[in-house]
Amino acid sequence: MARDKPRLLAALEVASAAMAKDEEAGKKQDALDLYQHSLGELLLLLAAEAPGRRQELLHTEVQNLMARAEYLKEQIKIRESHWEAETLDKEGLSEESVRSSCTLQ
């Protein structure tokens, strides 16, 4: 599908690298960055693609990559909010302790 289109081939290779990073522990943000880069290129190529089988395949691939990127983004957001909550608890700055130590003047 991409042999005669170097930009398409490059964008699909970046998407493949994103999927590989997604599988590695601790590389979620790197994977998301690669997904976003790949999707940026693929969306431009999709818009320029003539109607036909290749456009349909490209559209399906873009949808799949977008779903993976959105899921990954949610996972990162959840992990960050858990990390922030744990950090606050460890530092003794839980919501309860902050409320009890605050007074109106």
N, C-alpha and C. Protein backbone atom coordinates (compact mmCIF):
# COMPACT_ATOMS: atom_id res chain seq x y z
N MET A 1 0.82 -1.19 0.00
CA MET A 1 0.00 0.00 0.00
C MET A 1 0.87 1.26 0.00
N ALA A 2 2.01 1.21 0.67
CA ALA A 2 2.79 2.44 0.85
C ALA A 2 4.08 2.47 0.06
N ARG A 3 4.35 1.44 -0.71
CA ARG A 3 5.65 1.36 -1.40
C ARG A 3 5.90 2.52 -2.34
N ASP A 4 4.84 2.98 -3.01
CA ASP A 4 5.01 4.06 -3.97
C ASP A 4 4.79 5.45 -3.35
N LYS A 5 4.60 5.52 -2.06
CA LYS A 5 4.37 6.78 -1.35
C LYS A 5 5.30 6.85 -0.14
N PRO A 6 6.46 7.48 -0.29
CA PRO A 6 7.44 7.51 0.80
C PRO A 6 6.93 8.17 2.09
N ARG A 7 6.13 9.23 1.97
CA ARG A 7 5.59 9.88 3.18
C ARG A 7 4.65 8.95 3.93
N LEU A 8 3.86 8.21 3.18
CA LEU A 8 2.94 7.26 3.78
C LEU A 8 3.72 6.16 4.47
N LEU A 9 4.73 5.65 3.80
CA LEU A 9 5.58 4.61 4.38
C LEU A 9 6.23 5.10 5.67
N ALA A 10 6.76 6.32 5.66
CA ALA A 10 7.41 6.88 6.85
C ALA A 10 6.41 7.04 7.99
N ALA A 11 5.21 7.52 7.70
CA ALA A 11 4.20 7.71 8.73
C ALA A 11 3.77 6.37 9.34
N LEU A 12 3.65 5.35 8.50
CA LEU A 12 3.29 4.03 9.00
C LEU A 12 4.41 3.42 9.83
N GLU A 13 5.66 3.71 9.47
CA GLU A 13 6.79 3.23 10.27
C GLU A 13 6.81 3.91 11.64
N VAL A 14 6.47 5.19 11.69
CA VAL A 14 6.37 5.89 12.97
C VAL A 14 5.25 5.28 13.81
N ALA A 15 4.13 4.96 13.17
CA ALA A 15 3.02 4.32 13.88
C ALA A 15 3.44 2.97 14.44
N SER A 16 4.21 2.23 13.67
CA SER A 16 4.72 0.94 14.13
C SER A 16 5.64 1.12 15.33
N ALA A 17 6.48 2.13 15.29
CA ALA A 17 7.37 2.44 16.42
C ALA A 17 6.55 2.82 17.65
N ALA A 18 5.46 3.54 17.44
CA ALA A 18 4.58 3.93 18.55
C ALA A 18 3.99 2.69 19.21
N MET A 19 3.56 1.74 18.40
CA MET A 19 2.99 0.51 18.95
C MET A 19 4.04 -0.27 19.74
N ALA A 20 5.27 -0.28 19.26
CA ALA A 20 6.35 -0.97 19.97
C ALA A 20 6.63 -0.28 21.31
N LYS A 21 6.68 1.05 21.31
CA LYS A 21 6.91 1.80 22.56
C LYS A 21 5.76 1.58 23.54
N ASP A 22 4.55 1.46 23.00
CA ASP A 22 3.37 1.26 23.83
C ASP A 22 3.49 -0.03 24.64
N GLU A 23 4.17 -1.02 24.08
CA GLU A 23 4.33 -2.31 24.75
C GLU A 23 5.43 -2.27 25.81
N GLU A 24 6.34 -1.30 25.73
CA GLU A 24 7.44 -1.20 26.68
C GLU A 24 6.98 -0.53 27.97
N ALA A 25 7.45 -1.05 29.08
CA ALA A 25 7.12 -0.44 30.36
C ALA A 25 7.79 0.92 30.48
N GLY A 26 7.04 1.91 30.93
CA GLY A 26 7.59 3.23 31.16
C GLY A 26 7.78 4.08 29.92
N LYS A 27 7.27 3.64 28.79
CA LYS A 27 7.46 4.39 27.54
C LYS A 27 6.14 4.92 26.97
N LYS A 28 5.14 5.06 27.82
CA LYS A 28 3.81 5.45 27.35
C LYS A 28 3.79 6.86 26.74
N GLN A 29 4.47 7.80 27.37
CA GLN A 29 4.47 9.17 26.83
C GLN A 29 5.20 9.21 25.50
N ASP A 30 6.30 8.47 25.39
CA ASP A 30 7.02 8.39 24.11
C ASP A 30 6.11 7.82 23.03
N ALA A 31 5.37 6.78 23.39
CA ALA A 31 4.45 6.16 22.44
C ALA A 31 3.38 7.15 22.00
N LEU A 32 2.82 7.89 22.94
CA LEU A 32 1.78 8.86 22.60
C LEU A 32 2.33 9.93 21.66
N ASP A 33 3.54 10.40 21.93
CA ASP A 33 4.16 11.40 21.05
C ASP A 33 4.31 10.85 19.63
N LEU A 34 4.73 9.60 19.52
CA LEU A 34 4.88 8.98 18.20
C LEU A 34 3.53 8.80 17.50
N TYR A 35 2.52 8.38 18.26
CA TYR A 35 1.17 8.25 17.69
C TYR A 35 0.71 9.60 17.13
N GLN A 36 0.90 10.66 17.90
CA GLN A 36 0.45 11.98 17.47
C GLN A 36 1.19 12.43 16.22
N HIS A 37 2.48 12.18 16.17
CA HIS A 37 3.26 12.55 14.98
C HIS A 37 2.77 11.77 13.76
N SER A 38 2.61 10.48 13.93
CA SER A 38 2.15 9.63 12.84
C SER A 38 0.76 10.04 12.36
N LEU A 39 -0.14 10.26 13.29
CA LEU A 39 -1.50 10.64 12.91
C LEU A 39 -1.55 11.99 12.21
N GLY A 40 -0.70 12.90 12.62
CA GLY A 40 -0.64 14.19 11.93
C GLY A 40 -0.33 14.02 10.46
N GLU A 41 0.65 13.18 10.17
CA GLU A 41 1.01 12.91 8.77
C GLU A 41 -0.08 12.12 8.06
N LEU A 42 -0.58 11.08 8.72
CA LEU A 42 -1.57 10.22 8.07
C LEU A 42 -2.86 10.97 7.74
N LEU A 43 -3.26 11.88 8.60
CA LEU A 43 -4.48 12.66 8.32
C LEU A 43 -4.30 13.55 7.10
N LEU A 44 -3.12 14.13 6.96
CA LEU A 44 -2.85 14.94 5.76
C LEU A 44 -2.87 14.06 4.51
N LEU A 45 -2.26 12.90 4.61
CA LEU A 45 -2.23 11.99 3.46
C LEU A 45 -3.62 11.46 3.13
N LEU A 46 -4.40 11.19 4.16
CA LEU A 46 -5.77 10.70 3.94
C LEU A 46 -6.60 11.75 3.21
N ALA A 47 -6.46 13.00 3.60
CA ALA A 47 -7.22 14.07 2.96
C ALA A 47 -6.85 14.22 1.48
N ALA A 48 -5.60 13.91 1.15
CA ALA A 48 -5.14 14.06 -0.23
C ALA A 48 -5.34 12.80 -1.07
N GLU A 49 -5.71 11.70 -0.42
CA GLU A 49 -5.84 10.42 -1.12
C GLU A 49 -7.11 10.39 -1.97
N ALA A 50 -6.98 9.89 -3.17
CA ALA A 50 -8.14 9.74 -4.06
C ALA A 50 -9.06 8.65 -3.53
N PRO A 51 -10.37 8.80 -3.75
CA PRO A 51 -11.30 7.76 -3.30
C PRO A 51 -10.93 6.41 -3.90
N GLY A 52 -11.07 5.39 -3.08
CA GLY A 52 -10.74 4.05 -3.54
C GLY A 52 -10.34 3.16 -2.38
N ARG A 53 -9.83 2.00 -2.73
CA ARG A 53 -9.47 1.01 -1.72
C ARG A 53 -8.37 1.51 -0.78
N ARG A 54 -7.36 2.18 -1.31
CA ARG A 54 -6.27 2.66 -0.46
C ARG A 54 -6.79 3.68 0.54
N GLN A 55 -7.68 4.56 0.10
CA GLN A 55 -8.25 5.55 1.01
C GLN A 55 -9.03 4.85 2.13
N GLU A 56 -9.79 3.83 1.78
CA GLU A 56 -10.55 3.08 2.79
C GLU A 56 -9.62 2.42 3.80
N LEU A 57 -8.56 1.79 3.31
CA LEU A 57 -7.59 1.15 4.20
C LEU A 57 -6.90 2.17 5.10
N LEU A 58 -6.53 3.28 4.52
CA LEU A 58 -5.87 4.34 5.28
C LEU A 58 -6.81 4.91 6.34
N HIS A 59 -8.06 5.09 5.98
CA HIS A 59 -9.06 5.59 6.93
C HIS A 59 -9.21 4.62 8.11
N THR A 60 -9.27 3.34 7.82
CA THR A 60 -9.37 2.33 8.88
C THR A 60 -8.15 2.35 9.78
N GLU A 61 -6.97 2.47 9.18
CA GLU A 61 -5.73 2.51 9.96
C GLU A 61 -5.69 3.76 10.84
N VAL A 62 -6.11 4.89 10.32
CA VAL A 62 -6.15 6.13 11.10
C VAL A 62 -7.10 5.97 12.28
N GLN A 63 -8.26 5.38 12.05
CA GLN A 63 -9.22 5.17 13.14
C GLN A 63 -8.63 4.27 14.22
N ASN A 64 -7.96 3.19 13.81
CA ASN A 64 -7.35 2.28 14.78
C ASN A 64 -6.26 2.98 15.59
N LEU A 65 -5.40 3.72 14.91
CA LEU A 65 -4.32 4.42 15.60
C LEU A 65 -4.87 5.50 16.53
N MET A 66 -5.92 6.17 16.09
CA MET A 66 -6.51 7.21 16.92
C MET A 66 -7.11 6.60 18.19
N ALA A 67 -7.77 5.47 18.05
CA ALA A 67 -8.34 4.80 19.22
C ALA A 67 -7.24 4.38 20.19
N ARG A 68 -6.14 3.85 19.66
CA ARG A 68 -5.02 3.46 20.52
C ARG A 68 -4.43 4.67 21.23
N ALA A 69 -4.26 5.77 20.50
CA ALA A 69 -3.69 6.98 21.09
C ALA A 69 -4.61 7.56 22.16
N GLU A 70 -5.90 7.57 21.91
CA GLU A 70 -6.85 8.10 22.89
C GLU A 70 -6.86 7.25 24.15
N TYR A 71 -6.82 5.93 23.98
CA TYR A 71 -6.77 5.03 25.13
C TYR A 71 -5.49 5.27 25.93
N LEU A 72 -4.39 5.38 25.24
CA LEU A 72 -3.10 5.60 25.89
C LEU A 72 -3.09 6.94 26.63
N LYS A 73 -3.66 7.96 26.03
CA LYS A 73 -3.73 9.27 26.66
C LYS A 73 -4.52 9.20 27.96
N GLU A 74 -5.62 8.46 27.96
CA GLU A 74 -6.41 8.28 29.18
C GLU A 74 -5.62 7.54 30.24
N GLN A 75 -4.89 6.50 29.83
CA GLN A 75 -4.07 5.74 30.78
C GLN A 75 -3.01 6.62 31.41
N ILE A 76 -2.38 7.47 30.62
CA ILE A 76 -1.36 8.39 31.14
C ILE A 76 -2.00 9.36 32.13
N LYS A 77 -3.17 9.88 31.78
CA LYS A 77 -3.86 10.83 32.65
C LYS A 77 -4.23 10.17 33.98
N ILE A 78 -4.72 8.95 33.93
CA ILE A 78 -5.08 8.21 35.15
C ILE A 78 -3.84 7.97 35.99
N ARG A 79 -2.77 7.53 35.36
CA ARG A 79 -1.53 7.25 36.08
C ARG A 79 -0.99 8.52 36.74
N GLU A 80 -1.04 9.65 36.03
CA GLU A 80 -0.56 10.91 36.60
C GLU A 80 -1.40 11.36 37.78
N SER A 81 -2.71 11.20 37.70
CA SER A 81 -3.56 11.62 38.82
C SER A 81 -3.35 10.71 40.02
N HIS A 82 -3.12 9.42 39.79
CA HIS A 82 -2.80 8.51 40.91
C HIS A 82 -1.47 8.89 41.53
N TRP A 83 -0.50 9.21 40.69
CA TRP A 83 0.82 9.59 41.18
C TRP A 83 0.74 10.86 42.01
N GLU A 84 -0.02 11.84 41.53
CA GLU A 84 -0.17 13.10 42.26
C GLU A 84 -0.85 12.86 43.61
N ALA A 85 -1.87 12.02 43.62
CA ALA A 85 -2.57 11.73 44.88
C ALA A 85 -1.63 11.02 45.86
N GLU A 86 -0.86 10.07 45.37
CA GLU A 86 0.09 9.37 46.23
C GLU A 86 1.15 10.32 46.75
N THR A 87 1.62 11.22 45.91
CA THR A 87 2.64 12.19 46.33
C THR A 87 2.09 13.09 47.42
N LEU A 88 0.88 13.57 47.25
CA LEU A 88 0.27 14.43 48.27
C LEU A 88 0.10 13.68 49.58
N ASP A 89 -0.33 12.42 49.52
CA ASP A 89 -0.49 11.63 50.73
C ASP A 89 0.84 11.40 51.42
N LYS A 90 1.88 11.12 50.66
CA LYS A 90 3.20 10.88 51.24
C LYS A 90 3.76 12.13 51.88
N GLU A 91 3.46 13.27 51.33
CA GLU A 91 3.97 14.53 51.86
C GLU A 91 3.09 15.06 53.00
N GLY A 92 2.05 14.32 53.32
CA GLY A 92 1.17 14.77 54.40
C GLY A 92 0.27 15.91 53.99
N LEU A 93 0.03 16.03 52.72
CA LEU A 93 -0.81 17.12 52.22
C LEU A 93 -2.13 16.59 51.68
N SER A 94 -2.66 15.58 52.32
CA SER A 94 -3.93 15.06 51.85
C SER A 94 -5.00 16.13 52.04
N GLU A 95 -6.07 15.98 51.34
CA GLU A 95 -7.13 16.98 51.38
C GLU A 95 -7.63 17.19 52.80
N GLU A 96 -7.72 16.11 53.56
CA GLU A 96 -8.21 16.20 54.93
C GLU A 96 -7.26 17.01 55.82
N SER A 97 -5.96 16.77 55.69
CA SER A 97 -5.00 17.50 56.53
C SER A 97 -4.94 18.98 56.14
N VAL A 98 -5.09 19.26 54.87
CA VAL A 98 -5.09 20.66 54.44
C VAL A 98 -6.31 21.38 54.99
N ARG A 99 -7.45 20.72 54.94
CA ARG A 99 -8.68 21.33 55.45
C ARG A 99 -8.58 21.61 56.94
N SER A 100 -8.03 20.66 57.69
CA SER A 100 -7.96 20.84 59.14
C SER A 100 -6.93 21.89 59.54
N SER A 101 -5.94 22.15 58.69
CA SER A 101 -4.91 23.13 59.06
C SER A 101 -5.21 24.53 58.54
N CYS A 102 -6.21 24.69 57.72
CA CYS A 102 -6.56 26.00 57.19
C CYS A 102 -7.56 26.69 58.11
N THR A 103 -7.32 27.95 58.37
CA THR A 103 -8.26 28.72 59.19
C THR A 103 -8.50 30.06 58.52
N LEU A 104 -9.66 30.59 58.77
CA LEU A 104 -10.00 31.92 58.25
C LEU A 104 -9.42 32.96 59.19
N GLN A 105 -8.93 34.03 58.63
CA GLN A 105 -8.37 35.09 59.46
C GLN A 105 -9.21 36.33 59.38
